[in-house]
């Protein structure tokens, strides 16, 4: 019987080291960035059972085979449709700055995504004005209304979108709505979704979750995109969810959410429409090719803004958003202004920001003073010391949760979209952002950034360095977990 006691006594040790060695080998072979690998190795070594469970759930970007197969088919259809936009690709870049040419080269050569000229862009910085404009465009739709959002929260102006879609469907307009299964779970299970379905609007969930699905694919992959496309002619893209700030997350005590949305007319609107249709096929298996009338872009071409629509996510140009932002930062010569609600950049992005500052670029980062995630808040603030030491100005916005995700560089190129400046947006979530190569539009985005700066407090490096040791400990502990966030 002694040998049985020995086996039972040794079993936990054997299991411990089996998990550490087996999972550790897999983590090392996965060839991800060093910070993420070390974080997982540390977690598995100290808490092998908890670490193994978490790694199986969220450790790798694995998808169900059926989803991978549909993604490949959708990508092939997407490429075919994109070729129709090639006549509107920007060809002459000799008058542009180096950063513009670099971004254009990466988008076209590295990703195969054309930079499209002849787009008219209208910016909206107020949610209610954005919803009113969306309703007007939906009411003018003649063929299709396609919506893709992370969150749809009923109440206020967001309900006007429901009414507009029902009116559009009554006119015979094809209407599809794709919502993230987690972000929009309350809406998908509400009478509002059923009302839309009863009216003939097709409503589907992106990346559904459940016990069986948690075994088949990673459950924390989310579709974070925010796009409206109407008749393939007009589209909206930016940071605004279908949520009226006066009704959304009022109990979070962070104030109203502040967003920017862009209305786009031109070839880029078709590209945004194709992004929705790509995701719709992946989720439903139903291919909805554009059935709109041929579009004559001549009324805008030559007078509009060139831009690249960059959609990134697992299996869809992974890390494309991160790489485009890196190209922006390394190409900067005078100024970088960033606004983002969640700032967990990782080593690669931090190196780019610090390098820019050391080269004499004026770098300013505007973040909300209050966010709806304490863990992200602490992880974010752990980066401030390094930024402040390099002369990078960090400002905390006072009047609400600044949710606008923007970057402007040298007053000539801008980013506007759904991606946060964090690891999740760079490598886990499905995101869509526009990289705009137009001085006038960039200047308008920069003006909004300056409005946020005027309503923000700049962090004093000397005062920040004197904060309590306990606070530092919490921040640094959260930062250690940042590769897993």
Protein backbone atom coordinates (compact mmCIF):
# COMPACT_ATOMS: atom_id res chain seq x y z
CA UNK A 1 0.00 0.00 0.00
CA UNK A 2 2.98 2.28 0.46
CA UNK A 3 3.41 2.56 -3.28
CA UNK A 4 -0.22 3.71 -3.63
CA UNK A 5 0.39 6.44 -1.05
CA UNK A 6 3.50 7.45 -2.95
CA UNK A 7 1.59 7.64 -6.25
CA UNK A 8 -1.21 9.75 -4.74
CA UNK A 9 1.33 12.02 -3.07
CA UNK A 10 3.35 12.42 -6.25
CA UNK A 11 0.36 12.82 -8.59
CA UNK A 12 -0.10 16.61 -8.05
CA UNK A 13 3.62 17.16 -8.67
CA UNK A 14 3.53 15.02 -11.81
CA UNK A 15 0.46 16.87 -13.10
CA UNK A 16 2.04 20.21 -12.24
CA UNK A 17 5.21 19.56 -14.20
CA UNK A 18 3.37 17.83 -17.04
CA UNK A 19 1.26 20.95 -17.53
CA UNK A 20 4.21 23.31 -17.17
CA UNK A 21 6.45 21.39 -19.57
CA UNK A 22 3.75 20.48 -22.09
CA UNK A 23 2.03 23.85 -22.22
CA UNK A 24 5.32 25.70 -21.87
CA UNK A 25 6.64 23.95 -24.97
CA UNK A 26 3.52 24.88 -26.92
CA UNK A 27 3.76 28.52 -25.81
CA UNK A 28 7.40 28.73 -26.88
CA UNK A 29 6.68 27.11 -30.25
CA UNK A 30 3.82 29.55 -30.91
CA UNK A 31 6.40 32.28 -31.66
CA UNK A 32 4.32 35.18 -30.34
CA UNK A 33 5.86 38.37 -28.96
CA UNK A 34 8.18 37.96 -25.98
CA UNK A 35 6.01 39.85 -23.49
CA UNK A 36 2.96 37.70 -24.16
CA UNK A 37 4.98 34.47 -24.05
CA UNK A 38 6.61 35.38 -20.73
CA UNK A 39 3.26 36.37 -19.22
CA UNK A 40 1.73 33.01 -20.14
CA UNK A 41 4.79 31.04 -19.03
CA UNK A 42 4.77 32.82 -15.66
CA UNK A 43 1.06 32.24 -15.14
CA UNK A 44 1.29 28.55 -16.07
CA UNK A 45 4.37 28.01 -13.88
CA UNK A 46 2.84 29.61 -10.76
CA UNK A 47 -0.80 28.55 -11.22
CA UNK A 48 -0.62 25.57 -13.61
CA UNK A 49 -4.27 24.50 -13.44
CA UNK A 50 -5.71 28.01 -13.63
CA UNK A 51 -3.14 28.99 -16.25
CA UNK A 52 -3.88 25.92 -18.37
CA UNK A 53 -7.61 26.59 -18.22
CA UNK A 54 -7.18 30.22 -19.24
CA UNK A 55 -4.74 29.32 -22.00
CA UNK A 56 -7.18 26.82 -23.48
CA UNK A 57 -9.87 29.52 -23.46
CA UNK A 58 -7.98 32.61 -24.63
CA UNK A 59 -4.35 31.65 -25.15
CA UNK A 60 -4.38 31.11 -28.90
CA UNK A 61 -6.27 32.69 -31.78
CA UNK A 62 -7.92 29.48 -32.85
CA UNK A 63 -11.19 29.37 -34.79
CA UNK A 64 -13.57 26.60 -35.74
CA UNK A 65 -12.80 24.92 -39.06
CA UNK A 66 -16.15 25.95 -40.51
CA UNK A 67 -15.40 29.59 -39.74
CA UNK A 68 -11.93 29.33 -41.27
CA UNK A 69 -13.41 27.78 -44.41
CA UNK A 70 -16.05 30.50 -44.77
CA UNK A 71 -13.42 33.19 -44.11
CA UNK A 72 -11.34 31.87 -47.02
CA UNK A 73 -14.35 31.85 -49.36
CA UNK A 74 -15.42 35.32 -48.23
CA UNK A 75 -11.89 36.59 -48.75
CA UNK A 76 -11.88 35.31 -52.33
CA UNK A 77 -15.18 37.05 -53.04
CA UNK A 78 -13.89 40.18 -51.32
CA UNK A 79 -10.79 40.26 -53.53
CA UNK A 80 -12.96 39.96 -56.65
CA UNK A 81 -15.17 42.85 -55.60
CA UNK A 82 -12.19 45.00 -54.60
CA UNK A 83 -10.83 44.72 -58.14
CA UNK A 84 -13.87 46.69 -59.32
CA UNK A 85 -12.61 49.60 -57.22
CA UNK A 86 -9.11 49.61 -58.69
CA UNK A 87 -9.86 52.36 -61.26
CA UNK A 88 -10.27 54.65 -58.25
CA UNK A 89 -6.91 53.71 -56.75
CA UNK A 90 -4.60 56.62 -56.09
CA UNK A 91 -1.59 56.46 -58.40
CA UNK A 92 0.22 59.78 -58.02
CA UNK A 93 1.91 60.33 -54.67
CA UNK A 94 4.82 62.55 -55.63
CA UNK A 95 3.22 65.58 -53.97
CA UNK A 96 2.57 63.80 -50.71
CA UNK A 97 4.76 63.49 -47.61
CA UNK A 98 6.88 60.42 -46.88
CA UNK A 99 4.43 59.08 -44.31
CA UNK A 100 1.60 59.15 -46.87
CA UNK A 101 3.66 57.24 -49.42
CA UNK A 102 4.76 54.72 -46.79
CA UNK A 103 1.20 53.98 -45.70
CA UNK A 104 0.00 53.74 -49.28
CA UNK A 105 2.82 51.33 -50.14
CA UNK A 106 2.11 49.08 -47.17
CA UNK A 107 -1.65 49.01 -47.79
CA UNK A 108 -1.37 48.26 -51.50
CA UNK A 109 1.71 46.03 -51.60
CA UNK A 110 1.64 44.45 -48.16
CA UNK A 111 -2.11 43.95 -47.78
CA UNK A 112 -3.38 44.13 -51.35
CA UNK A 113 -5.85 46.84 -50.32
CA UNK A 114 -6.05 49.78 -52.72
CA UNK A 115 -5.83 53.34 -51.50
CA UNK A 116 -8.95 54.93 -52.95
CA UNK A 117 -9.28 58.51 -54.10
CA UNK A 118 -12.35 60.66 -54.71
CA UNK A 119 -14.07 60.32 -51.31
CA UNK A 120 -16.10 63.03 -49.62
CA UNK A 121 -15.76 62.88 -45.82
CA UNK A 122 -18.02 64.55 -43.26
CA UNK A 123 -17.07 64.34 -39.58
CA UNK A 124 -19.52 64.05 -36.70
CA UNK A 125 -18.39 64.61 -33.12
CA UNK A 126 -21.86 64.62 -31.52
CA UNK A 127 -23.75 61.36 -31.18
CA UNK A 128 -27.21 62.84 -31.72
CA UNK A 129 -26.15 64.57 -34.94
CA UNK A 130 -24.62 61.29 -36.12
CA UNK A 131 -27.82 59.34 -35.49
CA UNK A 132 -29.89 61.99 -37.26
CA UNK A 133 -27.61 61.80 -40.31
CA UNK A 134 -27.79 57.99 -40.34
CA UNK A 135 -31.58 58.10 -40.20
CA UNK A 136 -31.71 60.54 -43.13
CA UNK A 137 -29.47 58.30 -45.23
CA UNK A 138 -31.44 55.17 -44.34
CA UNK A 139 -34.66 56.98 -45.26
CA UNK A 140 -33.11 57.79 -48.65
CA UNK A 141 -31.95 54.21 -49.28
CA UNK A 142 -33.23 52.57 -52.45
CA UNK A 143 -31.50 49.17 -52.49
CA UNK A 144 -29.56 48.13 -49.38
CA UNK A 145 -28.93 49.07 -45.75
CA UNK A 146 -26.13 47.11 -44.07
CA UNK A 147 -25.14 47.60 -40.42
CA UNK A 148 -22.29 46.05 -38.41
CA UNK A 149 -21.77 47.04 -34.77
CA UNK A 150 -20.18 45.82 -31.58
CA UNK A 151 -22.89 47.29 -29.33
CA UNK A 152 -26.51 48.20 -29.93
CA UNK A 153 -28.02 49.60 -26.76
CA UNK A 154 -31.74 50.43 -26.93
CA UNK A 155 -32.97 53.84 -25.86
CA UNK A 156 -33.01 57.41 -27.09
CA UNK A 157 -31.71 58.17 -30.57
CA UNK A 158 -30.59 54.57 -31.10
CA UNK A 159 -34.25 53.58 -31.35
CA UNK A 160 -34.65 55.94 -34.31
CA UNK A 161 -32.38 53.60 -36.28
CA UNK A 162 -34.84 50.76 -35.64
CA UNK A 163 -37.71 52.84 -36.95
CA UNK A 164 -35.72 53.94 -40.01
CA UNK A 165 -34.79 50.34 -40.89
CA UNK A 166 -38.42 49.26 -40.63
CA UNK A 167 -39.43 52.10 -42.96
CA UNK A 168 -36.68 51.11 -45.39
CA UNK A 169 -37.76 47.49 -45.39
CA UNK A 170 -41.35 48.53 -46.09
CA UNK A 171 -40.04 50.20 -49.28
CA UNK A 172 -38.42 46.94 -50.38
CA UNK A 173 -34.89 47.83 -49.30
CA UNK A 174 -32.75 44.84 -48.28
CA UNK A 175 -31.69 45.39 -44.66
CA UNK A 176 -29.18 43.29 -42.73
CA UNK A 177 -27.88 43.89 -39.21
CA UNK A 178 -24.84 42.04 -37.82
CA UNK A 179 -24.13 42.55 -34.11
CA UNK A 180 -21.42 41.14 -31.87
CA UNK A 181 -22.91 38.33 -29.79
CA UNK A 182 -21.36 39.58 -26.53
CA UNK A 183 -21.39 43.33 -26.95
CA UNK A 184 -25.00 43.33 -28.17
CA UNK A 185 -26.33 40.36 -26.21
CA UNK A 186 -29.07 42.35 -24.40
CA UNK A 187 -30.30 43.78 -27.70
CA UNK A 188 -30.20 40.45 -29.56
CA UNK A 189 -32.34 38.90 -26.82
CA UNK A 190 -34.72 41.86 -26.63
CA UNK A 191 -38.09 42.59 -28.26
CA UNK A 192 -36.31 45.23 -30.37
CA UNK A 193 -34.44 42.58 -32.36
CA UNK A 194 -37.62 40.58 -32.80
CA UNK A 195 -39.43 43.70 -34.01
CA UNK A 196 -36.79 44.14 -36.70
CA UNK A 197 -37.05 40.48 -37.73
CA UNK A 198 -40.84 40.68 -37.88
CA UNK A 199 -40.47 43.64 -40.25
CA UNK A 200 -38.22 41.61 -42.56
CA UNK A 201 -34.87 42.99 -41.39
CA UNK A 202 -32.29 40.20 -41.15
CA UNK A 203 -30.53 40.24 -37.77
CA UNK A 204 -27.59 37.94 -36.95
CA UNK A 205 -25.06 37.55 -34.15
CA UNK A 206 -21.33 37.74 -34.86
CA UNK A 207 -19.06 35.26 -33.07
CA UNK A 208 -21.76 33.52 -30.98
CA UNK A 209 -20.72 32.10 -27.62
CA UNK A 210 -21.86 29.05 -25.70
CA UNK A 211 -20.58 25.98 -23.91
CA UNK A 212 -20.03 23.99 -27.08
CA UNK A 213 -18.52 26.94 -28.95
CA UNK A 214 -16.10 27.57 -26.08
CA UNK A 215 -14.66 24.14 -26.86
CA UNK A 216 -14.58 24.65 -30.63
CA UNK A 217 -13.15 28.17 -30.76
CA UNK A 218 -11.79 30.97 -28.63
CA UNK A 219 -14.69 32.84 -27.03
CA UNK A 220 -13.11 36.24 -26.35
CA UNK A 221 -12.58 37.08 -30.03
CA UNK A 222 -15.00 39.93 -30.66
CA UNK A 223 -16.19 41.86 -33.69
CA UNK A 224 -15.49 45.43 -32.61
CA UNK A 225 -16.36 47.11 -35.93
CA UNK A 226 -18.82 49.99 -36.24
CA UNK A 227 -20.00 50.45 -39.82
CA UNK A 228 -23.15 51.51 -41.66
CA UNK A 229 -23.33 51.16 -45.46
CA UNK A 230 -26.23 52.38 -47.58
CA UNK A 231 -26.67 51.49 -51.26
CA UNK A 232 -22.90 51.01 -51.48
CA UNK A 233 -22.67 54.77 -51.97
CA UNK A 234 -22.64 56.16 -48.43
CA UNK A 235 -21.04 54.67 -45.34
CA UNK A 236 -20.23 55.54 -41.74
CA UNK A 237 -17.17 54.39 -39.84
CA UNK A 238 -15.66 55.41 -36.52
CA UNK A 239 -15.89 54.77 -32.79
CA UNK A 240 -19.61 55.29 -32.10
CA UNK A 241 -21.67 52.25 -31.16
CA UNK A 242 -25.42 52.27 -31.71
CA UNK A 243 -25.86 53.68 -28.21
CA UNK A 244 -27.23 57.05 -27.17
CA UNK A 245 -24.74 58.49 -24.63
CA UNK A 246 -27.64 59.76 -22.54
CA UNK A 247 -28.78 56.15 -21.98
CA UNK A 248 -25.59 54.09 -22.27
CA UNK A 249 -23.81 52.76 -19.14
CA UNK A 250 -25.14 55.48 -16.89
CA UNK A 251 -24.30 53.41 -13.79
CA UNK A 252 -20.60 53.25 -14.72
CA UNK A 253 -20.12 56.82 -13.42
CA UNK A 254 -17.69 57.78 -16.18
CA UNK A 255 -19.88 60.43 -17.80
CA UNK A 256 -21.17 60.41 -21.36
CA UNK A 257 -19.12 58.69 -24.03
CA UNK A 258 -17.45 60.99 -26.56
CA UNK A 259 -17.04 59.63 -30.10
CA UNK A 260 -16.18 60.61 -33.66
CA UNK A 261 -17.87 59.14 -36.72
CA UNK A 262 -17.12 59.82 -40.38
CA UNK A 263 -19.68 59.82 -43.18
CA UNK A 264 -18.04 58.74 -46.43
CA UNK A 265 -19.27 59.11 -50.00
CA UNK A 266 -17.20 57.53 -52.72
CA UNK A 267 -15.36 54.28 -53.51
CA UNK A 268 -14.39 53.83 -49.85
CA UNK A 269 -18.08 53.51 -49.00
CA UNK A 270 -18.22 50.43 -51.21
CA UNK A 271 -15.13 49.06 -49.46
CA UNK A 272 -16.81 49.49 -46.08
CA UNK A 273 -19.93 47.81 -47.47
CA UNK A 274 -17.83 44.86 -48.63
CA UNK A 275 -16.38 44.57 -45.12
CA UNK A 276 -19.89 44.08 -43.72
CA UNK A 277 -20.81 41.57 -46.44
CA UNK A 278 -17.58 39.66 -45.80
CA UNK A 279 -18.42 39.28 -42.11
CA UNK A 280 -22.07 38.52 -42.88
CA UNK A 281 -21.07 35.53 -45.00
CA UNK A 282 -18.60 34.28 -42.39
CA UNK A 283 -21.33 34.33 -39.73
CA UNK A 284 -24.38 33.20 -41.72
CA UNK A 285 -23.02 31.31 -44.71
CA UNK A 286 -25.18 33.50 -46.96
CA UNK A 287 -23.34 35.42 -49.64
CA UNK A 288 -24.89 38.84 -50.24
CA UNK A 289 -23.04 40.28 -53.21
CA UNK A 290 -23.72 43.96 -53.95
CA UNK A 291 -26.90 44.30 -56.00
CA UNK A 292 -26.92 48.06 -56.18
CA UNK A 293 -27.01 49.92 -59.48
CA UNK A 294 -23.65 50.75 -61.06
CA UNK A 295 -22.24 53.80 -59.35
CA UNK A 296 -20.85 56.80 -61.21
CA UNK A 297 -18.19 58.34 -58.97
CA UNK A 298 -17.35 61.21 -61.34
CA UNK A 299 -19.25 63.76 -59.26
CA UNK A 300 -16.73 63.26 -56.43
CA UNK A 301 -13.61 61.96 -58.17
CA UNK A 302 -10.77 64.44 -58.32
CA UNK A 303 -12.19 66.57 -55.53
CA UNK A 304 -12.30 64.07 -52.71
CA UNK A 305 -9.94 62.55 -50.16
CA UNK A 306 -7.72 59.51 -50.74
CA UNK A 307 -7.92 56.91 -47.98
CA UNK A 308 -7.29 53.27 -47.13
CA UNK A 309 -9.92 51.13 -45.40
CA UNK A 310 -8.00 48.70 -43.20
CA UNK A 311 -9.87 45.82 -41.60
CA UNK A 312 -7.86 43.53 -39.34
CA UNK A 313 -8.52 40.48 -37.21
CA UNK A 314 -7.64 36.79 -36.84
CA UNK A 315 -7.59 35.27 -40.30
CA UNK A 316 -8.20 38.70 -41.88
CA UNK A 317 -4.97 40.65 -42.34
CA UNK A 318 -3.84 40.07 -38.72
CA UNK A 319 -1.99 42.99 -37.13
CA UNK A 320 -2.63 45.17 -40.20
CA UNK A 321 -3.95 48.00 -38.05
CA UNK A 322 -0.94 47.86 -35.73
CA UNK A 323 1.51 47.85 -38.62
CA UNK A 324 -0.18 50.81 -40.32
CA UNK A 325 -0.08 52.80 -37.07
CA UNK A 326 3.60 51.93 -36.62
CA UNK A 327 4.28 53.22 -40.13
CA UNK A 328 2.52 56.47 -39.19
CA UNK A 329 4.53 56.92 -36.01
CA UNK A 330 7.91 56.13 -37.54
CA UNK A 331 7.14 58.44 -40.46
CA UNK A 332 6.31 61.43 -38.24
CA UNK A 333 8.60 64.44 -38.41
CA UNK A 334 6.88 67.16 -36.37
CA UNK A 335 3.76 66.11 -34.46
CA UNK A 336 1.73 63.12 -33.28
CA UNK A 337 -1.60 63.44 -31.47
CA UNK A 338 -3.42 60.33 -30.25
CA UNK A 339 -6.82 59.93 -28.61
CA UNK A 340 -7.89 56.52 -27.33
CA UNK A 341 -10.01 55.28 -24.42
CA UNK A 342 -7.85 52.23 -23.70
CA UNK A 343 -4.07 52.52 -23.82
CA UNK A 344 -2.19 49.25 -23.36
CA UNK A 345 0.25 49.58 -26.26
CA UNK A 346 2.85 46.90 -25.62
CA UNK A 347 6.58 47.14 -26.26
CA UNK A 348 6.45 47.54 -30.05
CA UNK A 349 4.14 50.55 -29.97
CA UNK A 350 5.91 52.07 -26.97
CA UNK A 351 9.23 51.86 -28.81
CA UNK A 352 7.71 53.69 -31.78
CA UNK A 353 6.33 56.47 -29.57
CA UNK A 354 9.58 56.88 -27.66
CA UNK A 355 11.64 56.84 -30.86
CA UNK A 356 9.47 59.58 -32.32
CA UNK A 357 9.88 61.70 -29.19
CA UNK A 358 13.66 61.23 -29.20
CA UNK A 359 13.72 62.38 -32.83
CA UNK A 360 12.15 65.67 -31.80
CA UNK A 361 8.53 64.90 -32.66
CA UNK A 362 5.96 66.56 -30.40
CA UNK A 363 3.89 63.62 -29.09
CA UNK A 364 0.64 64.11 -27.20
CA UNK A 365 -1.63 61.30 -25.96
CA UNK A 366 -5.14 62.12 -24.73
CA UNK A 367 -6.91 59.55 -22.55
CA UNK A 368 -10.10 59.67 -20.49
CA UNK A 369 -9.61 60.41 -16.78
CA UNK A 370 -12.24 57.74 -16.04
CA UNK A 371 -12.70 54.45 -17.88
CA UNK A 372 -15.14 51.60 -17.43
CA UNK A 373 -12.42 49.00 -16.71
CA UNK A 374 -10.28 49.32 -13.58
CA UNK A 375 -7.81 46.68 -14.75
CA UNK A 376 -7.20 48.47 -18.05
CA UNK A 377 -6.99 51.79 -16.22
CA UNK A 378 -4.20 50.55 -13.95
CA UNK A 379 -2.38 48.75 -16.78
CA UNK A 380 -2.56 51.92 -18.87
CA UNK A 381 -1.12 54.15 -16.16
CA UNK A 382 1.85 51.85 -15.68
CA UNK A 383 3.15 53.12 -19.04
CA UNK A 384 3.00 56.80 -18.06
CA UNK A 385 6.41 56.92 -16.34
CA UNK A 386 8.27 55.88 -19.48
CA UNK A 387 6.27 58.27 -21.65
CA UNK A 388 6.72 61.27 -19.36
CA UNK A 389 10.45 60.66 -18.98
CA UNK A 390 10.80 60.98 -22.76
CA UNK A 391 8.94 64.28 -22.86
CA UNK A 392 5.71 62.80 -24.23
CA UNK A 393 2.71 64.73 -22.94
CA UNK A 394 -0.07 62.62 -21.42
CA UNK A 395 -3.40 64.34 -20.86
CA UNK A 396 -6.50 63.10 -19.03
CA UNK A 397 -9.84 64.22 -20.48
CA UNK A 398 -12.27 65.45 -17.83
CA UNK A 399 -15.73 65.68 -19.42
CA UNK A 400 -16.78 62.07 -19.94
CA UNK A 401 -15.28 58.91 -21.35
CA UNK A 402 -13.30 59.97 -24.40
CA UNK A 403 -14.01 57.03 -26.70
CA UNK A 404 -12.77 58.56 -29.99
CA UNK A 405 -9.95 56.54 -31.54
CA UNK A 406 -7.85 58.93 -33.62
CA UNK A 407 -4.25 59.56 -34.65
CA UNK A 408 -3.02 62.57 -36.60
CA UNK A 409 0.55 62.93 -37.86
CA UNK A 410 2.18 66.12 -39.12
CA UNK A 411 -1.25 67.60 -39.94
CA UNK A 412 -1.27 65.54 -43.16
CA UNK A 413 -2.48 62.02 -42.39
CA UNK A 414 -5.07 60.72 -39.94
CA UNK A 415 -6.49 57.52 -38.53
CA UNK A 416 -10.15 57.24 -37.57
CA UNK A 417 -11.94 54.03 -36.70
CA UNK A 418 -12.82 51.38 -34.13
CA UNK A 419 -9.35 50.27 -32.98
CA UNK A 420 -8.05 51.19 -29.54
CA UNK A 421 -4.37 51.65 -28.84
CA UNK A 422 -4.14 48.27 -27.13
CA UNK A 423 -3.12 44.69 -27.74
CA UNK A 424 -6.70 43.46 -28.01
CA UNK A 425 -7.45 45.76 -30.94
CA UNK A 426 -4.11 45.00 -32.57
CA UNK A 427 -4.26 41.21 -32.51
CA UNK A 428 -7.51 39.81 -31.08
CA UNK A 429 -10.53 41.87 -32.12
CA UNK A 430 -11.92 42.41 -35.60
CA UNK A 431 -11.46 46.12 -36.29
CA UNK A 432 -11.95 48.58 -39.14
CA UNK A 433 -10.15 51.91 -39.42
CA UNK A 434 -9.67 54.50 -42.14
CA UNK A 435 -6.26 55.98 -42.89
CA UNK A 436 -6.95 59.33 -44.52
CA UNK A 437 -4.33 61.11 -46.65
CA UNK A 438 -5.85 64.57 -46.83
CA UNK A 439 -4.57 67.73 -45.15
CA UNK A 440 -8.01 69.34 -44.85
CA UNK A 441 -9.70 66.31 -43.26
CA UNK A 442 -6.71 65.70 -41.01
CA UNK A 443 -6.90 69.32 -39.89
CA UNK A 444 -10.58 68.90 -38.96
CA UNK A 445 -9.78 65.79 -36.93
CA UNK A 446 -6.88 67.62 -35.32
CA UNK A 447 -9.20 70.50 -34.40
CA UNK A 448 -11.39 68.02 -32.51
CA UNK A 449 -8.30 66.59 -30.82
CA UNK A 450 -7.34 70.11 -29.72
CA UNK A 451 -10.84 70.57 -28.26
CA UNK A 452 -10.27 67.44 -26.18
CA UNK A 453 -6.85 68.71 -25.12
CA UNK A 454 -8.39 72.01 -23.99
CA UNK A 455 -10.71 69.99 -21.72
CA UNK A 456 -7.96 67.79 -20.31
CA UNK A 457 -5.35 67.96 -17.56
CA UNK A 458 -1.71 67.45 -18.47
CA UNK A 459 0.11 65.08 -16.13
CA UNK A 460 3.08 66.64 -14.37
CA UNK A 461 6.02 64.22 -14.50
CA UNK A 462 7.42 65.30 -11.12
CA UNK A 463 4.09 64.94 -9.33
CA UNK A 464 3.34 61.64 -11.07
CA UNK A 465 6.67 60.17 -9.95
CA UNK A 466 5.74 60.80 -6.30
CA UNK A 467 2.57 58.71 -6.25
CA UNK A 468 2.19 56.08 -3.50
CA UNK A 469 4.20 52.86 -3.73
CA UNK A 470 1.02 50.83 -3.31
CA UNK A 471 -0.46 52.48 -6.39
CA UNK A 472 2.69 51.72 -8.35
CA UNK A 473 2.49 48.10 -7.25
CA UNK A 474 -1.09 47.73 -8.48
CA UNK A 475 -0.27 49.46 -11.78
CA UNK A 476 2.79 47.33 -12.45
CA UNK A 477 0.92 44.15 -11.54
CA UNK A 478 -1.81 45.10 -14.01
CA UNK A 479 0.85 45.83 -16.62
CA UNK A 480 2.26 42.33 -16.20
CA UNK A 481 -1.16 41.04 -17.20
CA UNK A 482 -1.42 43.44 -20.15
CA UNK A 483 -0.31 40.84 -22.72
CA UNK A 484 -3.32 38.79 -21.63
CA UNK A 485 -5.86 41.65 -21.70
